[in-house]
Protein backbone atom coordinates (compact mmCIF):
# COMPACT_ATOMS: atom_id res chain seq x y z
CA MET A 1 92.90 65.21 90.43
CA ALA A 2 90.02 67.71 90.10
CA LEU A 3 86.87 68.42 92.03
CA PHE A 4 83.44 67.83 90.49
CA GLU A 5 80.08 69.06 91.80
CA TYR A 6 77.19 66.72 91.07
CA LYS A 7 73.48 66.11 91.58
CA ALA A 8 72.23 62.54 91.49
CA LYS A 9 69.38 60.34 92.69
CA ASP A 10 69.92 57.26 94.81
CA SER A 11 67.95 54.00 94.71
CA LYS A 12 65.25 55.54 96.96
CA GLY A 13 64.73 58.48 94.62
CA GLN A 14 66.30 61.05 96.93
CA THR A 15 68.38 63.81 95.36
CA ILE A 16 72.04 64.04 96.48
CA HIS A 17 74.01 67.24 95.95
CA ASP A 18 77.69 66.77 96.76
CA VAL A 19 81.26 66.98 95.49
CA LEU A 20 83.78 64.28 94.57
CA GLN A 21 87.36 64.10 93.33
CA ALA A 22 88.34 62.39 90.10
CA GLY A 23 90.87 62.58 87.29
CA ASP A 24 88.31 63.81 84.74
CA LYS A 25 84.59 64.13 84.14
CA LYS A 26 84.33 60.63 82.65
CA GLU A 27 85.97 59.07 85.70
CA ALA A 28 83.68 61.05 88.02
CA ALA A 29 80.59 59.76 86.19
CA SER A 30 81.94 56.21 86.38
CA LEU A 31 82.42 56.51 90.17
CA LEU A 32 78.87 57.76 90.63
CA ARG A 33 77.41 54.93 88.54
CA SER A 34 79.41 52.38 90.56
CA ASP A 35 77.54 53.67 93.64
CA ASN A 36 74.22 53.01 91.87
CA LEU A 37 73.48 56.73 91.51
CA LYS A 38 71.49 58.22 88.65
CA ILE A 39 73.42 61.32 87.50
CA LEU A 40 71.41 64.49 87.02
CA THR A 41 74.22 67.05 86.58
CA ILE A 42 77.98 66.94 86.93
CA LYS A 43 80.43 69.78 86.34
CA SER A 44 84.08 70.53 87.07
CA LEU A 45 84.61 73.07 89.80
CA ASP A 46 88.21 73.74 88.76
CA SER A 47 87.37 74.74 85.18
CA LYS A 48 84.32 76.68 86.30
CA PHE A 49 86.20 78.83 88.75
CA ALA A 50 89.30 79.16 86.62
CA SER A 51 87.22 80.75 83.88
CA MET A 52 84.98 82.87 86.13
CA PHE A 53 87.44 84.12 88.74
CA LYS A 54 91.18 84.34 88.66
CA GLY A 55 91.66 86.85 91.45
CA GLY A 56 92.25 86.31 95.13
CA ILE A 57 90.13 86.45 98.27
CA SER A 58 89.84 89.91 99.81
CA VAL A 59 90.78 90.64 103.42
CA SER A 60 87.17 91.52 104.25
CA GLU A 61 85.95 88.20 102.88
CA LYS A 62 88.52 86.29 104.90
CA ALA A 63 87.61 88.23 108.04
CA ALA A 64 83.90 87.43 107.60
CA PHE A 65 84.71 83.77 106.91
CA CYS A 66 86.79 83.47 110.10
CA ARG A 67 84.18 85.25 112.22
CA PHE A 68 81.29 83.05 110.99
CA LEU A 69 83.33 79.87 111.28
CA ALA A 70 84.41 80.67 114.85
CA THR A 71 80.78 81.31 115.82
CA MET A 72 79.58 78.03 114.29
CA LEU A 73 82.36 75.98 115.90
CA ARG A 74 81.55 77.48 119.32
CA ALA A 75 77.92 76.50 118.74
CA GLY A 76 79.04 72.87 118.32
CA LEU A 77 78.65 72.43 114.56
CA PRO A 78 81.08 69.96 112.95
CA LEU A 79 83.73 71.64 110.82
CA PRO A 80 82.62 70.16 107.43
CA GLU A 81 78.99 71.21 108.08
CA ALA A 82 80.03 74.73 109.10
CA LEU A 83 82.15 75.04 105.96
CA ASP A 84 79.25 73.92 103.75
CA ILE A 85 76.94 76.53 105.29
CA ILE A 86 79.45 79.34 104.71
CA ARG A 87 80.12 78.08 101.18
CA GLN A 88 76.42 78.35 100.30
CA GLU A 89 76.22 81.90 101.61
CA THR A 90 79.47 83.41 100.34
CA GLN A 91 79.50 85.78 97.33
CA SER A 92 83.18 85.09 96.54
CA LYS A 93 83.57 82.49 93.81
CA LYS A 94 87.19 81.82 94.74
CA LEU A 95 86.32 81.31 98.42
CA GLU A 96 83.48 79.01 97.42
CA LYS A 97 85.89 76.86 95.45
CA VAL A 98 88.38 76.77 98.34
CA LEU A 99 85.67 75.77 100.83
CA PHE A 100 84.53 72.97 98.52
CA ASP A 101 88.07 71.67 98.46
CA ILE A 102 88.60 71.98 102.23
CA SER A 103 85.28 70.32 103.09
CA PHE A 104 85.94 67.45 100.72
CA HIS A 105 89.42 66.66 102.06
CA ILE A 106 88.45 67.07 105.72
CA GLN A 107 85.78 64.39 105.19
CA LYS A 108 88.57 62.22 103.76
CA GLY A 109 90.52 62.58 107.02
CA GLU A 110 92.91 65.44 106.21
CA THR A 111 93.44 68.43 108.48
CA PHE A 112 92.28 71.99 107.77
CA SER A 113 95.85 73.34 107.82
CA SER A 114 97.15 70.74 105.34
CA VAL A 115 94.45 71.62 102.79
CA ILE A 116 94.61 75.40 103.26
CA SER A 117 98.41 75.31 102.78
CA LYS A 118 97.76 74.67 99.07
CA TYR A 119 96.35 78.18 98.78
CA LYS A 120 99.35 80.20 99.97
CA GLU A 121 98.57 82.98 97.49
CA ASP A 122 95.35 83.70 99.42
CA PHE A 123 96.24 82.64 102.97
CA ASP A 124 99.53 83.93 104.35
CA SER A 125 101.93 82.35 106.84
CA VAL A 126 100.17 84.05 109.78
CA PHE A 127 96.88 82.40 108.84
CA LEU A 128 98.44 78.98 108.31
CA THR A 129 100.46 79.10 111.54
CA MET A 130 97.47 80.06 113.68
CA ILE A 131 95.23 77.37 112.16
CA LYS A 132 97.89 74.73 112.78
CA ALA A 133 98.36 75.90 116.37
CA GLY A 134 94.61 75.79 116.93
CA GLU A 135 94.37 72.25 115.59
CA GLU A 136 97.25 71.05 117.77
CA SER A 137 95.85 72.67 120.94
CA GLY A 138 92.20 71.80 120.24
CA THR A 139 91.18 75.45 120.20
CA LEU A 140 90.48 75.96 116.53
CA GLU A 141 87.48 78.24 117.21
CA LYS A 142 89.71 80.58 119.23
CA SER A 143 92.26 80.70 116.40
CA PHE A 144 89.52 81.70 113.94
CA ASP A 145 88.24 84.28 116.41
CA TYR A 146 91.72 85.84 116.75
CA LEU A 147 92.17 85.75 112.99
CA ALA A 148 88.83 87.50 112.42
CA LYS A 149 89.80 90.33 114.75
CA GLN A 150 93.25 90.69 113.22
CA LEU A 151 91.99 90.61 109.64
CA LEU A 152 89.27 93.15 110.43
CA THR A 153 91.85 95.47 112.01
CA THR A 154 94.14 95.02 108.99
CA TYR A 155 91.25 95.80 106.64
CA GLU A 156 90.30 98.96 108.55
CA LEU A 157 93.91 100.13 108.55
CA SER A 158 94.31 99.54 104.81
CA GLN A 159 91.04 101.39 104.16
CA LYS A 160 92.36 104.39 106.11
CA VAL A 161 95.52 104.42 103.99
CA LYS A 162 93.49 104.17 100.76
CA SER A 163 91.03 106.90 101.78
CA SER A 164 93.93 109.22 102.69
CA MET A 165 95.43 108.71 99.23
CA MET A 166 92.12 109.22 97.43
CA TYR A 167 92.26 113.03 97.32
CA PRO A 168 95.82 113.22 95.90
CA ALA A 169 94.95 110.46 93.40
CA VAL A 170 91.89 112.40 92.17
CA ILE A 171 93.92 115.61 91.80
CA ILE A 172 96.72 113.88 89.91
CA ALA A 173 94.18 112.13 87.65
CA ALA A 174 92.55 115.48 86.96
CA MET A 175 95.95 116.99 86.08
CA ILE A 176 96.66 114.14 83.66
CA GLY A 177 93.20 114.49 82.12
CA ASN A 178 93.67 118.24 81.75
CA ALA A 179 97.05 117.69 80.05
CA PHE A 180 95.40 115.12 77.76
CA ILE A 181 92.71 117.59 76.63
CA MET A 182 95.12 120.52 76.24
CA LEU A 183 97.64 118.54 74.19
CA GLY A 184 95.10 116.73 72.06
CA PHE A 185 92.49 119.38 71.28
CA VAL A 186 93.17 122.92 72.55
CA LEU A 187 96.87 123.45 71.74
CA PRO A 188 96.78 122.12 68.14
CA LYS A 189 93.85 124.46 67.25
CA MET A 190 95.61 127.49 68.73
CA SER A 191 98.83 126.57 66.98
CA ASP A 192 97.09 126.55 63.57
CA VAL A 193 95.83 130.10 64.17
CA PHE A 194 98.86 131.77 65.77
CA LEU A 195 101.57 130.21 63.58
CA SER A 196 99.74 131.26 60.42
CA LEU A 197 99.91 134.94 61.45
CA ASN A 198 102.96 137.07 60.84
CA VAL A 199 103.42 138.08 64.47
CA ASP A 200 106.60 138.09 66.62
CA LEU A 201 106.16 135.61 69.44
CA PRO A 202 108.28 134.91 72.53
CA ILE A 203 110.60 131.98 71.91
CA VAL A 204 109.01 129.81 74.62
CA THR A 205 105.52 130.46 73.20
CA ARG A 206 106.71 129.67 69.67
CA TYR A 207 108.22 126.34 70.74
CA LEU A 208 105.05 125.49 72.70
CA LEU A 209 102.86 126.22 69.65
CA LYS A 210 105.14 124.21 67.37
CA PHE A 211 104.91 121.33 69.81
CA GLY A 212 101.10 121.65 69.73
CA ASP A 213 101.17 121.70 65.93
CA THR A 214 103.26 118.50 65.90
CA VAL A 215 100.84 116.82 68.28
CA GLY A 216 97.88 117.84 66.07
CA GLU A 217 99.52 116.37 62.97
CA ASN A 218 100.40 113.09 64.75
CA LEU A 219 97.45 112.75 67.11
CA ALA A 220 97.18 108.95 67.04
CA LEU A 221 100.93 108.47 67.53
CA THR A 222 101.07 110.99 70.36
CA PHE A 223 98.16 109.49 72.27
CA GLY A 224 99.55 106.01 71.68
CA ALA A 225 102.86 107.08 73.22
CA PHE A 226 101.00 108.82 76.06
CA PHE A 227 99.08 105.69 77.01
CA MET A 228 102.17 103.54 76.57
CA ILE A 229 103.99 105.68 79.11
CA LEU A 230 101.06 105.36 81.53
CA PHE A 231 101.07 101.60 81.02
CA LEU A 232 104.82 101.37 81.69
CA VAL A 233 104.42 103.43 84.87
CA PHE A 234 101.62 101.08 85.94
CA MET A 235 103.82 98.03 85.25
CA LEU A 236 106.58 99.49 87.40
CA PHE A 237 104.27 99.06 90.37
CA VAL A 238 103.10 95.61 89.31
CA VAL A 239 106.51 93.97 88.83
CA LYS A 240 107.90 92.93 92.21
CA LYS A 241 111.51 94.05 91.66
CA THR A 242 110.69 97.52 90.37
CA ARG A 243 108.02 97.96 93.05
CA LYS A 244 110.62 97.24 95.74
CA MET A 245 113.02 99.75 94.15
CA ILE A 246 110.33 102.45 94.03
CA LEU A 247 109.29 101.66 97.61
CA GLY A 248 112.92 101.90 98.70
CA VAL A 249 113.13 105.43 97.28
CA PHE A 250 109.80 106.60 98.68
CA VAL A 251 110.39 105.31 102.22
CA LYS A 252 113.38 107.64 102.47
CA LEU A 253 111.12 110.68 102.24
CA PRO A 254 110.56 112.11 105.76
CA VAL A 255 106.77 112.00 105.94
CA ILE A 256 106.43 108.63 104.19
CA ARG A 257 109.27 107.12 106.23
CA LYS A 258 107.49 108.01 109.48
CA VAL A 259 104.19 106.51 108.28
CA MET A 260 105.91 103.30 107.12
CA GLU A 261 107.73 102.93 110.44
CA GLN A 262 104.48 103.31 112.38
CA LEU A 263 102.66 100.96 110.01
CA ASP A 264 105.31 98.25 110.38
CA ALA A 265 105.35 98.67 114.17
CA ALA A 266 101.58 98.22 114.27
CA ARG A 267 101.63 95.18 111.97
CA PHE A 268 104.49 93.50 113.84
CA ALA A 269 102.91 94.07 117.27
CA ARG A 270 99.43 92.98 116.15
CA THR A 271 100.65 89.82 114.42
CA LEU A 272 102.99 88.79 117.22
CA SER A 273 100.28 89.38 119.83
CA THR A 274 97.73 87.33 117.91
CA LEU A 275 100.15 84.43 117.39
CA LEU A 276 101.19 84.35 121.06
CA LYS A 277 97.53 84.37 122.17
CA SER A 278 96.93 81.38 119.89
CA GLY A 279 99.63 79.40 121.64
CA VAL A 280 102.29 79.67 118.93
CA PRO A 281 105.86 79.46 120.40
CA ILE A 282 107.57 82.84 120.37
CA ILE A 283 110.43 81.69 118.09
CA VAL A 284 107.94 80.56 115.43
CA ALA A 285 105.80 83.66 116.02
CA LEU A 286 108.79 85.98 115.47
CA ASP A 287 109.64 84.27 112.19
CA VAL A 288 106.08 84.61 110.95
CA ALA A 289 105.69 88.21 112.17
CA SER A 290 108.89 89.27 110.38
CA ASP A 291 107.37 88.23 107.02
CA ILE A 292 104.60 90.84 107.19
CA LEU A 293 107.01 93.83 107.43
CA SER A 294 107.07 96.05 104.34
CA GLN A 295 110.45 97.77 104.65
CA PRO A 296 113.17 95.50 103.15
CA ARG A 297 115.90 96.55 105.58
CA LEU A 298 113.69 96.03 108.63
CA LYS A 299 112.46 92.74 107.30
CA GLU A 300 116.02 91.39 107.02
CA GLU A 301 116.82 92.51 110.55
CA ALA A 302 113.58 91.01 111.96
CA LYS A 303 114.45 87.58 110.54
CA MET A 304 117.30 87.41 113.10
CA PHE A 305 115.09 88.15 116.12
CA SER A 306 114.13 84.49 116.56
CA GLU A 307 117.80 83.44 116.51
CA GLY A 308 118.55 85.77 119.42
CA VAL A 309 115.56 84.53 121.43
CA ALA A 310 116.56 80.91 120.73
CA LYS A 311 119.97 81.69 122.29
CA GLY A 312 118.33 82.94 125.48
CA ALA A 313 118.12 86.71 124.92
CA SER A 314 114.90 88.59 125.60
CA LEU A 315 113.05 90.27 122.75
CA SER A 316 113.53 93.72 124.33
CA ASP A 317 117.29 93.22 124.56
CA ILE A 318 117.45 92.22 120.89
CA LEU A 319 115.40 95.27 119.85
CA THR A 320 117.63 97.50 122.00
CA ARG A 321 120.71 96.26 120.17
CA LYS A 322 118.98 96.73 116.81
CA LYS A 323 118.80 100.49 117.18
CA GLY A 324 116.27 102.12 114.86
CA ALA A 325 114.40 98.90 114.10
CA PHE A 326 111.42 99.99 116.15
CA PRO A 327 110.62 103.16 118.16
CA VAL A 328 112.21 103.43 121.64
CA THR A 329 108.76 103.65 123.25
CA MET A 330 107.81 100.34 121.74
CA VAL A 331 111.02 98.65 122.95
CA GLN A 332 110.56 99.93 126.52
CA THR A 333 106.92 98.86 126.58
CA ILE A 334 107.85 95.35 125.36
CA LYS A 335 110.49 95.18 128.13
CA ALA A 336 107.81 96.00 130.73
CA GLY A 337 105.53 93.35 129.24
CA GLU A 338 108.23 90.70 129.48
CA LYS A 339 108.88 91.52 133.15
CA THR A 340 105.17 91.28 134.04
CA GLY A 341 104.53 88.19 131.90
CA SER A 342 101.91 89.97 129.80
CA LEU A 343 103.77 90.36 126.51
CA GLU A 344 100.81 89.53 124.25
CA VAL A 345 98.58 92.06 126.05
CA VAL A 346 101.22 94.79 125.82
CA LEU A 347 101.77 94.04 122.13
CA GLU A 348 98.05 94.38 121.43
CA GLU A 349 97.98 97.78 123.16
CA LEU A 350 101.06 98.86 121.18
CA ALA A 351 99.38 97.79 117.95
CA SER A 352 96.28 99.86 118.75
CA PHE A 353 98.48 102.86 119.65
CA TYR A 354 100.53 102.77 116.44
CA GLU A 355 97.42 102.19 114.30
CA MET A 356 96.06 105.45 115.69
CA GLU A 357 99.41 107.11 115.02
CA VAL A 358 99.25 105.92 111.39
CA ASP A 359 95.82 107.46 111.09
CA TYR A 360 96.98 110.80 112.51
CA SER A 361 100.15 110.83 110.36
CA LEU A 362 98.14 110.16 107.21
CA LYS A 363 95.75 113.00 108.01
CA ARG A 364 98.68 115.36 108.59
CA ALA A 365 100.39 114.23 105.36
CA THR A 366 97.18 114.70 103.40
CA ALA A 367 96.70 118.16 104.92
CA LEU A 368 100.23 119.08 103.83
CA LEU A 369 99.83 117.57 100.38
CA GLU A 370 96.63 119.40 99.51
CA PRO A 371 98.11 122.93 99.34
CA LEU A 372 101.23 121.63 97.56
CA LEU A 373 99.11 120.02 94.82
CA MET A 374 97.01 123.19 94.51
CA LEU A 375 100.22 125.22 94.20
CA VAL A 376 101.54 122.93 91.44
CA ILE A 377 98.23 123.15 89.56
CA GLY A 378 98.17 126.95 89.97
CA VAL A 379 101.72 127.36 88.65
CA ALA A 380 101.05 125.04 85.69
CA VAL A 381 97.80 126.76 84.74
CA GLY A 382 99.32 130.19 85.26
CA ALA A 383 102.31 129.41 83.07
CA MET A 384 100.05 128.03 80.33
CA VAL A 385 97.82 131.11 80.44
CA VAL A 386 100.80 133.53 80.28
CA LEU A 387 102.36 131.65 77.39
CA LEU A 388 99.11 131.57 75.40
CA ILE A 389 97.82 135.04 76.29
CA THR A 390 101.08 136.66 75.12
CA PRO A 391 100.42 135.91 71.40
CA ILE A 392 96.95 137.50 71.69
CA TYR A 393 98.48 140.72 72.97
CA SER A 394 101.05 140.55 70.15
CA ILE A 395 98.27 140.15 67.59
CA VAL A 396 96.25 143.04 69.10
CA GLY A 397 99.40 145.23 69.07
CA GLY A 398 100.11 144.36 65.43
CA LEU A 399 96.53 145.22 64.41
CA GLU A 400 96.75 148.62 66.20
CA GLY A 401 100.01 149.38 64.39
CA ASN A 402 98.37 148.73 61.02
CA LEU A 403 95.46 151.10 61.72
């Protein structure tokens, strides 16, 4: 069954703009005619959005959606009406399609959580669990409010990580571009000149010039191989298995390991706090919170937290036995929160603390990386200059000997 957006006129001449579900366009038109409606336009939403937009919904778009929906529900608007208002204002084509679907099925008597569960690629287990808890407790607006705050915090944290990586990314891109120009244009021209002269050259310089000459003679093949290598490197980060392998190697590096540990601690604490505030049972909340962890080893360990709590152990005792899963400070703070009955409040404070630590660690890592990259560039440029300046001195020396 597909969704179809239509405009039609009723028997009183009033224009109706709505959406319906049918097997195909012909069936949709038949349903409208059976209701004595004069069809003006009718188009498939599924085909429209499949062709226009195949990506997902960004974190910032979901945060804005949750914030606006929470505000409208607190103001007393019915859920389908609130969804239609947001749908008309949103700039995201994918979100517009999802809101059409949700609004349609809610009017048919289905729940928000049952419809949104069809879009698991855009809405994770945390989102689905909190919505379901809000529906069951009758506090759906609070669930959306909590989700808006969590998604906004997640977005800000991811932006900090991206901005910290921007400088190294620009430097590395500049290095690749420089290598591209040198190999494709500069080195072949110099090779033609130097290799045609009867001058003794250092062996490293001679091999470098021969390599440049080979590149010049096979320019299309060389650049094709160059871009193929870049594509393969890109695919290594796209394919899930290879991405996990690369991540497993990188997280063992001291600086990156520390940032990842702090990032996972912040995510775990923030998610668990938000779920507990929404009324989700702690066993379910622990299972959901474990799914958002990025380190494979920690994720496997976290999946057993709920089993320990179900057997009667406290979360702090489980974390104490799982040495190294989370920082000692975090474990002790959780223990204090359990004793005072304010676990969700303590977890929120821990999340804020580790989010700041991630920010500081990224700044320190970037500050350390900048001089290292400059050193690498300096060594590479210096080596290239020495190797290519040497033939010039050899040529000048040969000319002086002939005078």
